[in-house]
Amino acid sequence: GGKANELAQQKADKAVVAVLAPICVDKFRHAKNADENLGKLNAISYSWEKGTYVSQGGWATLPGNAEPNSAVAQACAEMLGTVAK
């Protein structure tokens, strides 16, 4: 029971991130200074710092939430990194 519930929760969390990360990317691309922000993002070496940058920029804070979602921010940063190259 416990392990099955844990696995189900992990799958649900991944599905939520997969749906919300493209929204974060869209918010990032339509923000003021998007090109400048993308340059700053790409200049960051470590992937976790890229997620932090996206979180701090507010792009991973989704409607109805006061705080950014760190998993969405990380996925968003990864998506932006692959699109930019």
C-alpha atoms as a PDB file:
ATOM      1  CA  GLY A   1       0.000   0.000   0.000  1.00  0.00           C
ATOM      2  CA  GLY A   2       2.547   2.608   1.063  1.00  0.00           C
ATOM      3  CA  LYS A   3       5.004   1.990  -1.766  1.00  0.00           C
ATOM      4  CA  ALA A   4       2.231   1.931  -4.378  1.00  0.00           C
ATOM      5  CA  ASN A   5       0.864   5.230  -3.074  1.00  0.00           C
ATOM      6  CA  GLU A   6       4.334   6.738  -3.119  1.00  0.00           C
ATOM      7  CA  LEU A   7       4.897   5.660  -6.731  1.00  0.00           C
ATOM      8  CA  ALA A   8       1.483   6.949  -7.755  1.00  0.00           C
ATOM      9  CA  GLN A   9       2.244  10.319  -6.133  1.00  0.00           C
ATOM     10  CA  GLN A  10       5.604  10.531  -7.928  1.00  0.00           C
ATOM     11  CA  LYS A  11       3.924   9.842 -11.280  1.00  0.00           C
ATOM     12  CA  ALA A  12       1.263  12.436 -10.560  1.00  0.00           C
ATOM     13  CA  ASP A  13       3.904  15.012  -9.591  1.00  0.00           C
ATOM     14  CA  LYS A  14       5.837  14.348 -12.806  1.00  0.00           C
ATOM     15  CA  ALA A  15       2.658  14.707 -14.852  1.00  0.00           C
ATOM     16  CA  VAL A  16       1.868  18.038 -13.202  1.00  0.00           C
ATOM     17  CA  VAL A  17       5.386  19.324 -13.887  1.00  0.00           C
ATOM     18  CA  ALA A  18       5.151  18.157 -17.508  1.00  0.00           C
ATOM     19  CA  VAL A  19       1.963  20.182 -17.949  1.00  0.00           C
ATOM     20  CA  LEU A  20       3.066  23.297 -16.058  1.00  0.00           C
ATOM     21  CA  ALA A  21       6.645  23.669 -17.349  1.00  0.00           C
ATOM     22  CA  PRO A  22       5.538  24.798 -20.845  1.00  0.00           C
ATOM     23  CA  ILE A  23       3.369  27.470 -19.191  1.00  0.00           C
ATOM     24  CA  CYS A  24       6.456  28.666 -17.334  1.00  0.00           C
ATOM     25  CA  VAL A  25       8.399  28.757 -20.622  1.00  0.00           C
ATOM     26  CA  ASP A  26       5.623  30.818 -22.208  1.00  0.00           C
ATOM     27  CA  LYS A  27       5.615  33.256 -19.285  1.00  0.00           C
ATOM     28  CA  PHE A  28       9.413  33.550 -19.564  1.00  0.00           C
ATOM     29  CA  ARG A  29       9.305  34.220 -23.316  1.00  0.00           C
ATOM     30  CA  HIS A  30       6.582  36.855 -23.018  1.00  0.00           C
ATOM     31  CA  ALA A  31       8.167  38.665 -20.077  1.00  0.00           C
ATOM     32  CA  LYS A  32       9.853  42.021 -20.380  1.00  0.00           C
ATOM     33  CA  ASN A  33      13.507  41.646 -21.440  1.00  0.00           C
ATOM     34  CA  ALA A  34      13.016  38.003 -22.441  1.00  0.00           C
ATOM     35  CA  ASP A  35      16.133  37.925 -24.621  1.00  0.00           C
ATOM     36  CA  GLU A  36      18.257  39.481 -21.897  1.00  0.00           C
ATOM     37  CA  ASN A  37      16.860  37.056 -19.317  1.00  0.00           C
ATOM     38  CA  LEU A  38      17.574  34.123 -21.616  1.00  0.00           C
ATOM     39  CA  GLY A  39      21.166  35.306 -21.989  1.00  0.00           C
ATOM     40  CA  LYS A  40      21.514  35.471 -18.215  1.00  0.00           C
ATOM     41  CA  LEU A  41      19.962  32.027 -17.845  1.00  0.00           C
ATOM     42  CA  ASN A  42      22.313  30.515 -20.409  1.00  0.00           C
ATOM     43  CA  ALA A  43      25.314  32.097 -18.677  1.00  0.00           C
ATOM     44  CA  ILE A  44      24.587  30.128 -15.502  1.00  0.00           C
ATOM     45  CA  SER A  45      26.715  27.001 -15.231  1.00  0.00           C
ATOM     46  CA  TYR A  46      24.836  24.787 -12.794  1.00  0.00           C
ATOM     47  CA  SER A  47      21.382  23.443 -13.595  1.00  0.00           C
ATOM     48  CA  TRP A  48      20.069  23.939 -10.048  1.00  0.00           C
ATOM     49  CA  GLU A  49      21.102  27.612 -10.241  1.00  0.00           C
ATOM     50  CA  LYS A  50      19.135  27.926 -13.484  1.00  0.00           C
ATOM     51  CA  GLY A  51      16.056  26.607 -11.690  1.00  0.00           C
ATOM     52  CA  THR A  52      16.658  29.123  -8.908  1.00  0.00           C
ATOM     53  CA  TYR A  53      16.934  31.933 -11.467  1.00  0.00           C
ATOM     54  CA  VAL A  54      13.596  30.929 -13.016  1.00  0.00           C
ATOM     55  CA  SER A  55      12.011  30.713  -9.552  1.00  0.00           C
ATOM     56  CA  GLN A  56      13.321  34.122  -8.542  1.00  0.00           C
ATOM     57  CA  GLY A  57      12.094  35.640 -11.810  1.00  0.00           C
ATOM     58  CA  GLY A  58       8.556  34.595 -10.907  1.00  0.00           C
ATOM     59  CA  TRP A  59       8.017  32.560 -14.063  1.00  0.00           C
ATOM     60  CA  ALA A  60       7.413  29.338 -12.089  1.00  0.00           C
ATOM     61  CA  THR A  61       4.870  30.980  -9.792  1.00  0.00           C
ATOM     62  CA  LEU A  62       1.599  29.876 -11.248  1.00  0.00           C
ATOM     63  CA  PRO A  63      -1.869  31.366 -10.805  1.00  0.00           C
ATOM     64  CA  GLY A  64      -3.326  30.637  -7.399  1.00  0.00           C
ATOM     65  CA  ASN A  65       0.094  30.099  -5.809  1.00  0.00           C
ATOM     66  CA  ALA A  66       2.129  32.527  -3.751  1.00  0.00           C
ATOM     67  CA  GLU A  67       5.408  30.646  -4.160  1.00  0.00           C
ATOM     68  CA  PRO A  68       7.181  29.246  -7.212  1.00  0.00           C
ATOM     69  CA  ASN A  69       7.167  25.507  -7.794  1.00  0.00           C
ATOM     70  CA  SER A  70      10.818  24.416  -7.735  1.00  0.00           C
ATOM     71  CA  ALA A  71      10.235  21.307  -9.865  1.00  0.00           C
ATOM     72  CA  VAL A  72       8.420  23.381 -12.492  1.00  0.00           C
ATOM     73  CA  ALA A  73      11.217  25.982 -12.383  1.00  0.00           C
ATOM     74  CA  GLN A  74      13.851  23.312 -12.944  1.00  0.00           C
ATOM     75  CA  ALA A  75      11.945  21.736 -15.835  1.00  0.00           C
ATOM     76  CA  CYS A  76      11.271  25.188 -17.296  1.00  0.00           C
ATOM     77  CA  ALA A  77      14.977  26.087 -17.155  1.00  0.00           C
ATOM     78  CA  GLU A  78      15.861  22.816 -18.862  1.00  0.00           C
ATOM     79  CA  MET A  79      13.292  23.430 -21.604  1.00  0.00           C
ATOM     80  CA  LEU A  80      14.540  26.969 -22.162  1.00  0.00           C
ATOM     81  CA  GLY A  81      18.113  25.673 -22.341  1.00  0.00           C
ATOM     82  CA  THR A  82      17.336  23.144 -25.049  1.00  0.00           C
ATOM     83  CA  VAL A  83      15.276  25.572 -27.126  1.00  0.00           C
ATOM     84  CA  ALA A  84      17.905  28.303 -26.963  1.00  0.00           C
ATOM     85  CA  LYS A  85      20.730  26.187 -28.347  1.00  0.00           C
END
